Amino acid sequence: MATTIDVKDLAGKTVGSTDLPTAWFEGEINVPVMHQVVTAQLAAARQGTHKTKTRAQVRGGGAKPWRQKGTGRSRQGSTRSPQWVGGGVAHGRVPKDWSVRVNKKVKRVALRSALTDRANNELVTVVRGLSFDAPKTKDAVAALRALGLEGRTLVVLAERDEATMRSFRNLPDVHTLVVDQLNTHDVVVSDVVVFDEDALDLIGTGRRRGDVDTSTPEEVSA
C-alpha cells in the first residue's frame, strides 16, 4: 500500500497530496547492504594520491658517508637510507585506487532501504514549486523555516536550477542535488529529505525533468 504524504508549497501551506513511489519507499530496510554501499562511496571519494619516496627516488646519497672500518661509527652506505634525516621512506604510502565495485542491484537495494527508513520515520517532505527566481540565501532560509525543517537537510531537485542551488549553497546544514545524483550516503547522513514534487517519479531512472526518454518499452519492463 502506497504511503500518502502532504504536498506543501514554499510558504509551508498544504496544497495537495501525493503517493510516494512504492518501489522506493516501501521496501525492506537492509542495514548491512546500506553499510556496504556507504562504505564503498566513502572509499571511492578518497583521492589516493599520497606518495612517499624510497631511497632510490631521493636525490643524492651516491657517495659513502665514511669508510667502512676504522672510524668507530656504524657502517653506512648512503645518506639517503631510511634512518637518515632527508633519506627515503621504508614501506611508505604510494598512490592507490581505493574504489570498491558495487553491483547496481545492491546500490538500488541500499537506496530503497534508506528512503524507506526516512519515510517510515516521517522524515520526507514533498514541496511543489521548489525553485527561486534569483539566488538568495534569505529566501532559502525563509522556506526552510516555513516548512519547519531543522538539522541536516537533503534537497532533491527534478532538474538543475542554478538559482535554487545557489540559494541553499551558503547553508552549512543543507545539501542540494539533482534527482539523478540521489545516493544512499547523502540520504543516510541527512536528518530530513526534501523532494521537489516532480522529482519523485524520476528516482532511479537516471533522468532529470526535461530529458527525453529514449528507452524502449522492453527496456522499461526489464
Protein backbone atom coordinates (compact mmCIF):
# COMPACT_ATOMS: atom_id res chain seq x y z
CA MET A 1 0.00 0.00 0.00
CA ALA A 2 1.41 3.34 -1.08
CA THR A 3 2.26 5.93 1.53
CA THR A 4 0.34 9.17 1.04
CA ILE A 5 2.10 12.37 2.02
CA ASP A 6 1.06 16.01 2.02
CA VAL A 7 2.49 18.28 -0.63
CA LYS A 8 3.45 21.76 0.57
CA ASP A 9 4.50 24.98 -1.06
CA LEU A 10 7.43 27.20 -0.10
CA ALA A 11 5.18 29.05 2.34
CA GLY A 12 4.58 25.85 4.29
CA LYS A 13 0.94 25.52 3.27
CA THR A 14 -0.53 22.16 2.25
CA VAL A 15 -1.53 22.36 -1.41
CA GLY A 16 -2.31 18.71 -2.08
CA SER A 17 -1.14 15.17 -1.51
CA THR A 18 0.79 12.52 -3.38
CA ASP A 19 1.72 8.86 -3.08
CA LEU A 20 5.37 8.06 -2.54
CA PRO A 21 6.59 5.54 -5.16
CA THR A 22 6.23 2.10 -3.60
CA ALA A 23 9.30 0.88 -5.49
CA TRP A 24 11.49 3.23 -3.44
CA PHE A 25 9.61 3.91 -0.21
CA GLU A 26 8.01 0.56 0.63
CA GLY A 27 10.99 -1.80 0.71
CA GLU A 28 12.63 -3.87 3.41
CA ILE A 29 15.29 -1.97 5.35
CA ASN A 30 18.56 -3.81 4.80
CA VAL A 31 21.14 -2.26 7.12
CA PRO A 32 24.13 -4.44 6.07
CA VAL A 33 23.62 -3.51 2.40
CA MET A 34 23.36 0.18 3.28
CA HIS A 35 26.60 -0.11 5.24
CA GLN A 36 28.30 -1.82 2.30
CA VAL A 37 27.25 0.85 -0.19
CA VAL A 38 28.04 3.82 2.06
CA THR A 39 31.47 2.36 2.87
CA ALA A 40 32.12 1.92 -0.85
CA GLN A 41 31.06 5.52 -1.54
CA LEU A 42 33.40 6.88 1.11
CA ALA A 43 36.24 4.72 -0.22
CA ALA A 44 35.67 5.92 -3.78
CA ALA A 45 35.83 9.53 -2.55
CA ARG A 46 39.41 9.05 -1.40
CA GLN A 47 41.91 10.60 -3.81
CA GLY A 48 44.62 8.06 -3.13
CA THR A 49 47.33 10.48 -4.27
CA HIS A 50 49.53 10.05 -1.18
CA LYS A 51 53.13 9.35 -2.14
CA THR A 52 56.45 8.88 -0.35
CA LYS A 53 59.87 8.38 -1.91
CA THR A 54 62.04 5.35 -1.41
CA ARG A 55 65.82 5.67 -1.01
CA ALA A 56 66.15 5.04 -4.75
CA GLN A 57 63.95 8.05 -5.56
CA VAL A 58 65.55 10.61 -3.23
CA ARG A 59 68.11 12.83 -4.94
CA GLY A 60 71.76 12.45 -3.86
CA GLY A 61 73.38 9.99 -1.48
CA GLY A 62 75.60 8.35 -4.04
CA ALA A 63 78.80 8.72 -2.01
CA LYS A 64 79.52 6.56 1.01
CA PRO A 65 79.43 8.88 4.10
CA TRP A 66 82.65 7.45 5.58
CA ARG A 67 84.87 4.48 5.14
CA GLN A 68 83.63 1.07 6.16
CA LYS A 69 86.05 0.42 9.05
CA GLY A 70 88.22 2.30 11.48
CA THR A 71 86.01 5.26 12.40
CA GLY A 72 84.27 3.70 15.39
CA ARG A 73 80.92 4.54 13.86
CA SER A 74 78.33 2.20 12.46
CA ARG A 75 78.57 1.16 8.83
CA GLN A 76 76.70 3.43 6.43
CA GLY A 77 76.40 3.14 2.69
CA SER A 78 74.27 6.19 1.80
CA THR A 79 72.90 9.34 3.39
CA ARG A 80 69.59 8.56 1.70
CA SER A 81 68.93 5.41 3.72
CA PRO A 82 65.67 5.47 5.74
CA GLN A 83 67.46 6.06 9.07
CA TRP A 84 68.96 9.33 7.83
CA VAL A 85 67.22 12.70 8.03
CA GLY A 86 66.31 13.54 4.44
CA GLY A 87 66.53 9.92 3.42
CA GLY A 88 63.92 7.76 1.75
CA VAL A 89 60.96 6.17 3.48
CA ALA A 90 60.81 2.44 4.01
CA HIS A 91 57.44 0.83 3.20
CA GLY A 92 55.87 4.26 2.62
CA ARG A 93 52.48 5.04 1.11
CA VAL A 94 52.12 5.02 -2.67
CA PRO A 95 49.24 6.05 -4.96
CA LYS A 96 46.31 3.68 -4.71
CA ASP A 97 42.81 3.33 -6.07
CA TRP A 98 40.54 2.84 -3.05
CA SER A 99 37.33 2.35 -5.02
CA VAL A 100 35.28 -0.79 -4.45
CA ARG A 101 32.99 -2.23 -7.09
CA VAL A 102 29.36 -2.50 -6.01
CA ASN A 103 26.67 -4.18 -8.07
CA LYS A 104 23.93 -1.88 -9.42
CA LYS A 105 21.21 -4.01 -7.84
CA VAL A 106 22.92 -3.70 -4.47
CA LYS A 107 23.00 0.09 -4.85
CA ARG A 108 19.27 0.11 -5.61
CA VAL A 109 18.51 -2.02 -2.55
CA ALA A 110 20.58 0.29 -0.36
CA LEU A 111 18.91 3.45 -1.69
CA ARG A 112 15.46 1.87 -1.32
CA SER A 113 16.29 0.92 2.27
CA ALA A 114 17.49 4.44 3.12
CA LEU A 115 14.45 6.13 1.58
CA THR A 116 12.07 3.65 3.25
CA ASP A 117 13.66 4.36 6.61
CA ARG A 118 13.21 8.12 6.14
CA ALA A 119 9.59 7.66 5.05
CA ASN A 120 8.78 5.35 7.96
CA ASN A 121 10.11 7.97 10.39
CA GLU A 122 8.17 10.77 8.65
CA LEU A 123 11.38 12.49 7.61
CA VAL A 124 10.37 13.02 3.98
CA THR A 125 8.89 16.32 2.79
CA VAL A 126 7.48 16.98 -0.69
CA VAL A 127 7.35 20.55 -1.98
CA ARG A 128 5.55 21.83 -5.04
CA GLY A 129 7.40 24.50 -7.00
CA LEU A 130 10.71 24.13 -5.20
CA SER A 131 12.56 26.90 -7.01
CA PHE A 132 13.60 30.52 -6.61
CA ASP A 133 13.66 33.28 -9.20
CA ALA A 134 17.04 34.55 -8.03
CA PRO A 135 19.81 33.12 -5.85
CA LYS A 136 19.03 34.48 -2.38
CA THR A 137 20.04 32.68 0.79
CA LYS A 138 17.42 34.70 2.66
CA ASP A 139 14.65 33.09 0.60
CA ALA A 140 16.06 29.61 1.25
CA VAL A 141 16.18 30.22 5.00
CA ALA A 142 12.62 31.52 4.96
CA ALA A 143 11.42 28.44 3.05
CA LEU A 144 13.07 26.02 5.46
CA ARG A 145 11.61 27.89 8.42
CA ALA A 146 8.12 27.87 6.86
CA LEU A 147 8.38 24.13 6.22
CA GLY A 148 9.51 23.55 9.79
CA LEU A 149 12.75 21.86 8.75
CA GLU A 150 15.77 21.72 11.04
CA GLY A 151 19.07 19.83 11.12
CA ARG A 152 20.88 18.33 8.17
CA THR A 153 18.63 18.65 5.15
CA LEU A 154 18.94 16.99 1.75
CA VAL A 155 17.16 18.87 -1.04
CA VAL A 156 16.41 16.83 -4.17
CA LEU A 157 15.53 18.77 -7.33
CA ALA A 158 13.98 17.47 -10.54
CA GLU A 159 16.43 19.41 -12.68
CA ARG A 160 19.50 21.57 -12.22
CA ASP A 161 18.36 25.04 -11.16
CA GLU A 162 21.30 27.35 -10.52
CA ALA A 163 19.23 29.96 -8.67
CA THR A 164 17.81 27.38 -6.27
CA MET A 165 21.07 25.52 -5.72
CA ARG A 166 22.96 28.76 -5.06
CA SER A 167 20.25 29.87 -2.65
CA PHE A 168 20.91 26.82 -0.46
CA ARG A 169 24.67 26.72 -1.04
CA ASN A 170 25.65 29.01 1.83
CA LEU A 171 23.69 26.98 4.39
CA PRO A 172 26.13 24.52 6.02
CA ASP A 173 23.43 22.01 7.02
CA VAL A 174 21.79 21.85 3.58
CA HIS A 175 22.98 19.70 0.68
CA THR A 176 21.34 20.09 -2.72
CA LEU A 177 21.46 17.66 -5.63
CA VAL A 178 19.54 16.68 -8.74
CA VAL A 179 17.42 13.53 -8.61
CA ASP A 180 19.74 11.55 -10.90
CA GLN A 181 22.50 12.10 -8.31
CA LEU A 182 20.47 10.71 -5.41
CA ASN A 183 22.54 8.23 -3.42
CA THR A 184 22.47 6.24 -0.20
CA HIS A 185 25.19 8.16 1.63
CA ASP A 186 23.52 11.56 1.28
CA VAL A 187 20.19 10.13 2.42
CA VAL A 188 21.69 8.37 5.44
CA VAL A 189 23.66 11.38 6.72
CA SER A 190 20.65 13.70 6.40
CA ASP A 191 18.05 14.25 9.10
CA VAL A 192 15.31 15.07 6.60
CA VAL A 193 14.92 14.65 2.83
CA VAL A 194 13.06 17.30 0.82
CA PHE A 195 11.82 16.36 -2.66
CA ASP A 196 10.61 18.61 -5.40
CA GLU A 197 7.25 17.07 -6.33
CA ASP A 198 8.38 16.48 -9.92
CA ALA A 199 11.48 14.61 -8.74
CA LEU A 200 9.57 11.71 -7.16
CA ASP A 201 8.74 10.00 -10.46
CA LEU A 202 12.34 10.31 -11.65
CA ILE A 203 14.00 8.44 -8.76
CA GLY A 204 16.19 5.64 -10.06
CA THR A 205 15.60 6.41 -13.74
CA GLY A 206 18.89 8.26 -14.21
CA ARG A 207 16.95 11.10 -15.84
CA ARG A 208 16.06 14.67 -14.93
CA ARG A 209 12.95 16.63 -15.73
CA GLY A 210 13.08 17.69 -19.36
CA ASP A 211 15.24 14.77 -20.51
CA VAL A 212 13.95 12.79 -23.47
CA ASP A 213 13.14 9.19 -22.59
CA THR A 214 14.76 7.12 -25.36
CA SER A 215 14.20 3.74 -23.69
CA THR A 216 12.02 1.15 -25.39
CA PRO A 217 9.02 -0.49 -23.66
CA GLU A 218 11.04 -3.71 -23.44
CA GLU A 219 13.84 -1.90 -21.58
CA VAL A 220 11.37 -0.29 -19.19
CA SER A 221 9.65 -3.58 -18.39
CA ALA A 222 13.02 -5.24 -17.80
